[in-house]
N, C-alpha and C. Protein backbone atom coordinates (compact mmCIF):
# COMPACT_ATOMS: atom_id res chain seq x y z
N UNK A 1 11.03 -13.85 20.82
CA UNK A 1 10.34 -13.00 20.01
C UNK A 1 10.74 -13.73 18.14
N UNK A 2 9.41 -13.72 17.63
CA UNK A 2 9.52 -14.00 16.14
C UNK A 2 9.20 -13.10 15.20
N UNK A 3 10.33 -12.84 14.32
CA UNK A 3 9.96 -11.46 13.29
C UNK A 3 9.59 -12.20 12.07
N UNK A 4 8.81 -11.91 11.32
CA UNK A 4 8.06 -12.16 9.99
C UNK A 4 8.76 -11.20 9.02
N UNK A 5 9.26 -11.48 8.45
CA UNK A 5 10.13 -10.27 7.64
C UNK A 5 9.38 -10.19 5.88
N UNK A 6 9.73 -9.12 5.29
CA UNK A 6 9.32 -9.00 4.47
C UNK A 6 9.97 -9.47 2.99
N UNK A 7 9.73 -9.94 2.05
CA UNK A 7 10.17 -10.33 0.85
C UNK A 7 11.28 -9.47 0.44
N UNK A 8 12.32 -9.85 0.28
CA UNK A 8 13.44 -9.09 -0.47
C UNK A 8 12.89 -8.44 -1.64
N UNK A 9 12.35 -8.91 -2.60
CA UNK A 9 11.67 -7.89 -3.90
C UNK A 9 11.19 -6.90 -3.27
N UNK A 10 10.16 -7.20 -2.08
CA UNK A 10 9.43 -5.84 -1.73
C UNK A 10 10.22 -4.44 -0.96
N UNK A 11 11.23 -5.11 -0.25
CA UNK A 11 12.12 -3.73 -0.23
C UNK A 11 13.06 -3.61 -0.76
N UNK A 12 13.72 -4.29 -1.69
CA UNK A 12 14.59 -3.70 -3.22
C UNK A 12 13.55 -2.68 -3.80
N UNK A 13 12.41 -2.68 -4.06
CA UNK A 13 11.49 -2.04 -4.74
C UNK A 13 11.83 -0.62 -4.15
N UNK A 14 11.66 -0.54 -2.82
CA UNK A 14 11.30 0.67 -2.32
C UNK A 14 12.65 1.05 -2.20
N UNK A 15 14.07 0.58 -2.27
CA UNK A 15 15.48 1.13 -2.44
C UNK A 15 15.76 1.61 -3.60
N UNK A 16 15.21 0.81 -4.53
CA UNK A 16 15.42 1.37 -6.21
C UNK A 16 14.62 2.90 -6.22
N UNK A 17 13.25 2.85 -5.81
CA UNK A 17 12.82 4.02 -6.01
C UNK A 17 12.90 5.09 -4.97
N UNK A 18 13.65 4.79 -4.12
CA UNK A 18 14.56 5.60 -3.35
C UNK A 18 15.48 6.07 -3.83
N UNK A 19 16.34 5.47 -4.54
CA UNK A 19 17.71 5.73 -5.44
C UNK A 19 17.35 6.35 -6.57
N UNK A 20 16.20 6.11 -7.44
CA UNK A 20 15.59 6.68 -8.46
C UNK A 20 15.41 8.22 -8.51
N UNK A 21 14.54 8.30 -7.37
CA UNK A 21 14.16 9.74 -6.73
C UNK A 21 15.03 11.06 -6.34
N UNK A 22 16.11 10.06 -5.61
CA UNK A 22 17.08 11.12 -5.33
C UNK A 22 17.97 10.95 -6.70
N UNK A 23 18.05 10.19 -7.65
CA UNK A 23 18.46 10.29 -8.85
C UNK A 23 18.31 12.02 -9.80
N UNK A 24 16.80 11.71 -9.74
CA UNK A 24 16.19 12.57 -10.72
C UNK A 24 16.48 13.73 -10.12
N UNK A 25 16.49 14.06 -8.32
CA UNK A 25 16.38 15.49 -8.00
C UNK A 25 17.81 16.10 -7.70
N UNK A 26 19.08 15.11 -8.06
CA UNK A 26 20.46 15.45 -8.56
C UNK A 26 20.61 16.00 -9.79
N UNK A 27 19.90 15.16 -10.52
CA UNK A 27 19.57 15.48 -12.40
C UNK A 27 19.13 17.11 -12.33
N UNK A 28 18.12 17.04 -11.68
CA UNK A 28 17.41 18.26 -11.53
C UNK A 28 18.30 19.39 -11.19
N UNK A 29 19.27 19.35 -10.31
CA UNK A 29 19.87 20.22 -9.59
C UNK A 29 20.82 20.63 -10.79
N UNK A 30 21.65 19.81 -10.82
CA UNK A 30 22.72 19.68 -12.32
C UNK A 30 21.91 20.47 -13.32
N UNK A 31 21.28 20.26 -13.68
CA UNK A 31 20.90 20.58 -15.54
C UNK A 31 20.55 21.85 -15.29
N UNK A 32 19.30 22.13 -14.48
CA UNK A 32 18.59 23.48 -14.40
C UNK A 32 19.23 24.65 -13.96
N UNK A 33 19.48 25.79 -14.50
CA UNK A 33 19.67 27.25 -13.83
C UNK A 33 18.89 27.53 -12.82
N UNK A 34 17.70 27.52 -12.86
CA UNK A 34 16.81 28.22 -12.35
C UNK A 34 15.63 26.72 -11.63
N UNK A 35 16.06 27.16 -10.10
CA UNK A 35 15.54 25.75 -9.48
C UNK A 35 13.59 26.41 -9.02
N UNK A 36 13.04 25.20 -9.12
CA UNK A 36 11.68 25.73 -8.47
C UNK A 36 11.48 25.07 -7.23
N UNK A 37 10.78 25.34 -6.30
CA UNK A 37 10.39 24.65 -5.59
C UNK A 37 9.85 23.03 -5.59
N UNK A 38 9.15 22.70 -6.75
CA UNK A 38 8.84 21.48 -6.69
C UNK A 38 9.96 20.11 -7.16
N UNK A 39 11.10 20.99 -7.95
CA UNK A 39 12.37 20.37 -7.72
C UNK A 39 12.75 19.64 -6.45
N UNK A 40 12.67 20.15 -5.40
CA UNK A 40 12.76 19.66 -4.42
C UNK A 40 11.97 18.27 -4.12
N UNK A 41 11.04 18.35 -4.59
CA UNK A 41 9.77 17.28 -4.31
C UNK A 41 10.12 15.60 -4.37
N UNK A 42 11.16 15.56 -5.54
CA UNK A 42 12.18 14.70 -5.65
C UNK A 42 12.92 14.34 -4.63
N UNK A 43 13.72 15.37 -3.79
CA UNK A 43 14.59 14.62 -2.55
C UNK A 43 13.68 14.32 -1.44
N UNK A 44 12.35 15.16 -1.28
CA UNK A 44 11.11 14.48 -0.49
C UNK A 44 10.94 12.58 -0.63
N UNK A 45 10.85 12.94 -1.75
CA UNK A 45 10.14 11.36 -2.10
C UNK A 45 10.91 10.56 -1.63
N UNK A 46 12.05 10.71 -2.08
CA UNK A 46 13.49 9.75 -2.12
C UNK A 46 13.84 9.12 -0.50
N UNK A 47 13.88 10.61 -0.10
CA UNK A 47 13.76 10.48 1.91
C UNK A 47 12.87 9.40 1.92
N UNK A 48 11.73 9.30 1.85
CA UNK A 48 10.70 8.71 2.26
C UNK A 48 11.03 7.52 2.12
N UNK A 49 11.06 7.05 0.46
CA UNK A 49 10.71 6.36 0.25
C UNK A 49 12.63 4.86 0.75
N UNK A 50 13.62 5.66 0.86
CA UNK A 50 14.62 5.29 1.77
C UNK A 50 14.32 4.84 3.10
N UNK A 51 13.78 5.82 4.06
CA UNK A 51 13.31 5.84 5.11
C UNK A 51 12.37 4.34 5.82
N UNK A 52 11.34 4.28 4.49
CA UNK A 52 10.59 3.26 4.56
C UNK A 52 11.31 1.87 4.54
N UNK A 53 12.24 1.78 3.22
CA UNK A 53 12.93 0.33 3.16
C UNK A 53 14.00 0.29 4.47
N UNK A 54 14.57 1.10 5.13
CA UNK A 54 15.12 0.96 6.29
C UNK A 54 14.11 0.91 7.62
N UNK A 55 13.29 1.30 7.66
CA UNK A 55 12.15 0.62 8.50
C UNK A 55 11.53 -0.57 8.38
N UNK A 56 11.54 -0.84 6.95
CA UNK A 56 10.84 -2.38 7.16
C UNK A 56 11.86 -3.34 6.98
N UNK A 57 12.81 -2.93 6.85
CA UNK A 57 14.12 -4.04 6.77
C UNK A 57 14.33 -3.94 8.45
N UNK A 58 14.52 -3.23 9.47
CA UNK A 58 14.86 -3.16 10.43
C UNK A 58 13.83 -3.84 11.54
N UNK A 59 12.58 -3.47 11.57
CA UNK A 59 11.43 -3.80 11.94
C UNK A 59 10.40 -4.76 11.43
N UNK A 60 10.83 -5.56 10.53
CA UNK A 60 9.96 -6.61 10.16
C UNK A 60 8.71 -6.26 9.61
N UNK A 61 7.65 -7.10 9.00
CA UNK A 61 6.27 -6.82 8.97
C UNK A 61 5.64 -7.44 10.04
N UNK A 62 5.73 -8.48 10.73
CA UNK A 62 4.93 -8.79 11.89
C UNK A 62 6.15 -9.38 12.91
N UNK A 63 5.60 -9.07 14.46
CA UNK A 63 6.22 -9.71 15.16
C UNK A 63 5.41 -10.08 16.17
N UNK A 64 5.57 -11.36 16.78
CA UNK A 64 5.19 -12.55 17.67
C UNK A 64 6.10 -12.31 18.75
N UNK A 65 5.10 -11.57 19.80
CA UNK A 65 6.22 -11.64 21.24
C UNK A 65 5.09 -11.41 22.44
N UNK A 66 5.32 -11.76 23.53
CA UNK A 66 4.71 -12.48 24.39
C UNK A 66 3.21 -12.41 24.44
N UNK A 67 2.77 -13.24 23.36
CA UNK A 67 1.64 -13.40 23.50
C UNK A 67 0.71 -12.57 22.74
N UNK A 68 1.39 -11.42 21.69
CA UNK A 68 0.76 -10.61 21.00
C UNK A 68 1.69 -10.50 19.78
N UNK A 69 0.34 -10.53 18.47
CA UNK A 69 0.86 -10.77 17.18
C UNK A 69 0.28 -9.43 16.72
N UNK A 70 1.48 -8.67 16.01
CA UNK A 70 1.68 -6.93 16.04
C UNK A 70 2.26 -6.53 14.47
N UNK A 71 1.66 -6.08 13.60
CA UNK A 71 2.11 -5.54 12.36
C UNK A 71 2.65 -4.39 12.84
N UNK A 72 4.24 -3.98 12.36
CA UNK A 72 4.90 -3.11 12.57
C UNK A 72 5.04 -2.21 11.61
N UNK A 73 3.45 -1.68 11.73
CA UNK A 73 3.51 -0.31 10.79
C UNK A 73 3.05 0.83 11.29
N UNK A 74 3.20 2.17 11.49
CA UNK A 74 2.95 3.34 12.31
C UNK A 74 1.86 2.89 13.08
N UNK A 75 0.89 2.42 12.37
CA UNK A 75 -0.41 2.39 12.77
C UNK A 75 -0.90 1.05 12.93
N UNK A 76 0.16 0.34 12.63
CA UNK A 76 -0.39 -1.21 12.84
C UNK A 76 -1.29 -1.97 14.13
N UNK A 77 -2.01 -2.69 14.00
CA UNK A 77 -3.07 -3.15 14.82
C UNK A 77 -2.02 -4.41 15.39
N UNK A 78 -2.68 -4.84 16.72
CA UNK A 78 -2.18 -6.00 17.38
C UNK A 78 -3.05 -6.92 17.77
N UNK A 79 -2.76 -8.17 18.05
CA UNK A 79 -4.16 -9.04 18.96
C UNK A 79 -3.25 -9.69 19.64
N UNK A 80 -3.86 -10.60 21.04
CA UNK A 80 -3.51 -11.17 21.48
C UNK A 80 -3.78 -12.78 20.68
N UNK A 81 -2.94 -13.53 21.21
CA UNK A 81 -2.61 -15.08 20.53
C UNK A 81 -4.00 -16.00 21.07
N UNK A 82 -3.78 -15.61 22.47
CA UNK A 82 -4.96 -16.52 23.12
C UNK A 82 -6.41 -15.77 22.65
N UNK A 83 -6.68 -14.88 22.01
CA UNK A 83 -7.97 -14.10 21.85
C UNK A 83 -8.61 -14.31 20.23
N UNK A 84 -7.59 -15.13 19.74
CA UNK A 84 -8.03 -15.16 18.09
C UNK A 84 -8.46 -16.69 18.05
N UNK A 85 -9.67 -16.02 17.31
CA UNK A 85 -11.07 -17.14 17.10
C UNK A 85 -10.92 -17.84 16.01
N UNK A 86 -10.72 -17.29 14.83
CA UNK A 86 -10.51 -17.69 13.61
C UNK A 86 -9.64 -17.14 12.74
N UNK A 87 -9.01 -17.95 11.59
CA UNK A 87 -8.12 -17.37 10.33
C UNK A 87 -8.86 -17.61 9.29
N UNK A 88 -9.14 -16.66 8.48
CA UNK A 88 -9.74 -17.19 7.25
C UNK A 88 -8.34 -16.23 5.89
N UNK A 89 -8.42 -17.62 5.20
CA UNK A 89 -7.65 -17.02 3.92
C UNK A 89 -8.67 -16.64 2.47
N UNK A 90 -8.20 -15.10 2.14
CA UNK A 90 -9.03 -14.48 1.57
C UNK A 90 -7.65 -13.83 0.78
N UNK A 91 -8.00 -13.86 -0.82
CA UNK A 91 -7.52 -13.55 -1.91
C UNK A 91 -5.84 -12.94 -1.25
N UNK A 92 -5.28 -14.11 -0.83
CA UNK A 92 -3.67 -13.88 -0.77
C UNK A 92 -3.93 -13.24 0.62
N UNK A 93 -4.85 -13.28 1.22
CA UNK A 93 -4.75 -12.57 2.72
C UNK A 93 -4.76 -13.62 4.21
N UNK A 94 -4.72 -13.00 5.04
CA UNK A 94 -5.22 -13.95 6.34
C UNK A 94 -6.04 -13.20 7.15
N UNK A 95 -7.25 -13.60 7.53
CA UNK A 95 -8.04 -12.61 8.00
C UNK A 95 -8.02 -13.05 9.42
N UNK A 96 -7.43 -12.40 10.35
CA UNK A 96 -7.50 -13.15 11.94
C UNK A 96 -8.24 -12.18 12.64
N UNK A 97 -9.33 -12.85 13.13
CA UNK A 97 -10.50 -12.00 13.81
C UNK A 97 -10.63 -12.76 15.30
N UNK A 98 -11.13 -11.79 16.01
CA UNK A 98 -11.15 -11.91 17.18
C UNK A 98 -12.27 -11.64 17.99
N UNK A 99 -12.95 -11.84 19.06
CA UNK A 99 -14.52 -11.24 19.05
C UNK A 99 -14.18 -10.00 18.67
N UNK A 100 -13.69 -9.16 19.65
CA UNK A 100 -13.52 -7.67 19.29
C UNK A 100 -13.30 -6.88 18.01
N UNK A 101 -12.06 -7.64 17.52
CA UNK A 101 -11.74 -6.62 16.54
C UNK A 101 -10.83 -7.99 15.01
N UNK A 102 -10.77 -7.47 14.20
CA UNK A 102 -10.06 -7.81 12.97
C UNK A 102 -9.04 -7.18 12.69
N UNK A 103 -8.00 -8.29 12.10
CA UNK A 103 -6.72 -8.20 11.70
C UNK A 103 -6.37 -8.67 10.33
N UNK A 104 -5.96 -7.89 9.17
CA UNK A 104 -5.47 -8.92 7.57
C UNK A 104 -4.36 -7.79 7.57
N UNK A 105 -3.84 -9.38 7.24
CA UNK A 105 -2.14 -10.06 7.05
C UNK A 105 -2.23 -10.00 5.75
N UNK A 106 -1.23 -9.59 5.03
CA UNK A 106 -0.78 -9.28 3.73
C UNK A 106 -0.06 -10.14 3.18
N UNK A 107 -0.20 -11.60 3.17
CA UNK A 107 0.81 -12.99 2.78
C UNK A 107 1.63 -13.06 1.58
N UNK A 108 1.14 -11.72 0.59
CA UNK A 108 1.95 -11.50 -0.25
C UNK A 108 3.28 -10.20 -0.25
N UNK A 109 3.49 -10.21 1.01
CA UNK A 109 4.45 -9.30 0.88
C UNK A 109 5.53 -10.15 2.19
N UNK A 110 5.27 -11.36 2.76
CA UNK A 110 5.91 -11.88 3.53
C UNK A 110 6.86 -12.71 2.53
N UNK A 111 8.24 -13.25 3.50
CA UNK A 111 8.94 -14.04 2.82
C UNK A 111 8.84 -15.45 2.88
N UNK A 112 9.09 -16.27 2.23
CA UNK A 112 8.08 -17.64 1.88
C UNK A 112 8.86 -18.06 3.57
N UNK A 113 9.97 -18.32 3.85
CA UNK A 113 10.38 -18.53 4.79
C UNK A 113 9.63 -18.25 6.07
N UNK A 114 9.52 -17.09 6.11
CA UNK A 114 8.85 -16.38 7.11
C UNK A 114 7.17 -16.74 7.27
N UNK A 115 6.56 -17.02 6.09
CA UNK A 115 5.34 -17.16 5.99
C UNK A 115 5.21 -18.66 6.60
N UNK A 116 6.36 -19.63 6.57
CA UNK A 116 6.26 -20.84 7.33
C UNK A 116 5.58 -20.86 8.68
N UNK A 117 7.12 -19.94 8.82
CA UNK A 117 7.32 -19.93 10.27
C UNK A 117 5.39 -19.15 11.20
N UNK A 118 4.77 -18.40 10.33
CA UNK A 118 3.87 -18.04 11.04
C UNK A 118 2.68 -18.60 11.01
N UNK A 119 2.49 -19.49 9.48
CA UNK A 119 1.74 -20.66 9.58
C UNK A 119 1.95 -21.58 10.75
N UNK A 120 2.89 -22.18 11.15
CA UNK A 120 2.97 -22.91 12.79
C UNK A 120 2.55 -22.32 13.50
N UNK A 121 3.19 -21.12 13.71
CA UNK A 121 2.51 -20.05 14.98
C UNK A 121 1.12 -20.15 15.07
N UNK A 122 0.48 -20.18 14.01
CA UNK A 122 -1.12 -19.99 13.75
C UNK A 122 -1.54 -21.24 14.27
N UNK A 123 -0.59 -22.31 13.68
CA UNK A 123 -1.60 -23.88 13.74
C UNK A 123 -1.40 -24.18 14.92
N UNK A 124 -0.34 -23.73 15.91
CA UNK A 124 0.14 -23.89 16.97
C UNK A 124 -1.44 -23.61 18.12
N UNK A 125 -2.16 -22.78 17.77
CA UNK A 125 -3.17 -21.78 18.30
C UNK A 125 -4.55 -23.02 18.57
N UNK A 126 -4.07 -24.39 17.41
CA UNK A 126 -5.57 -25.01 17.36
C UNK A 126 -7.12 -24.34 17.29
N UNK A 127 -6.76 -23.39 16.30
CA UNK A 127 -8.30 -22.40 15.68
C UNK A 127 -8.60 -22.68 14.52
N UNK A 128 -9.69 -22.23 14.04
CA UNK A 128 -10.57 -22.54 13.19
C UNK A 128 -9.94 -22.00 11.98
N UNK A 129 -9.66 -22.51 10.74
CA UNK A 129 -9.13 -21.67 9.38
C UNK A 129 -10.70 -22.19 8.39
N UNK A 130 -10.45 -20.95 7.56
CA UNK A 130 -11.65 -21.31 6.83
C UNK A 130 -10.59 -20.91 5.39
């Protein structure tokens, strides 16, 4: 199994935002005498950012396993490596095409070392690059 990870900057931004929203929520609780329901929104947003950080850190951006390339998002796509016909570089993304569907891989969020591993795996396929 090959895991293609996120850049540390991308992960750290989610962590910092989670901590910042949590801090805003704490400040709101401590300072205000009369809490509104919207003040709890900071805690909800903080939980979402922190959960996103830990999810992305654990599951990485892409996984190549058993002949499948999968984006590890809740609604992420996957394609079989043997069905890939073409890889197109466009605006910092890889557009991976098969006969039936298309997958866009955002290379801006991929760690530099992991991007080299992804390129090596895609070059092994002997497919057309545009």
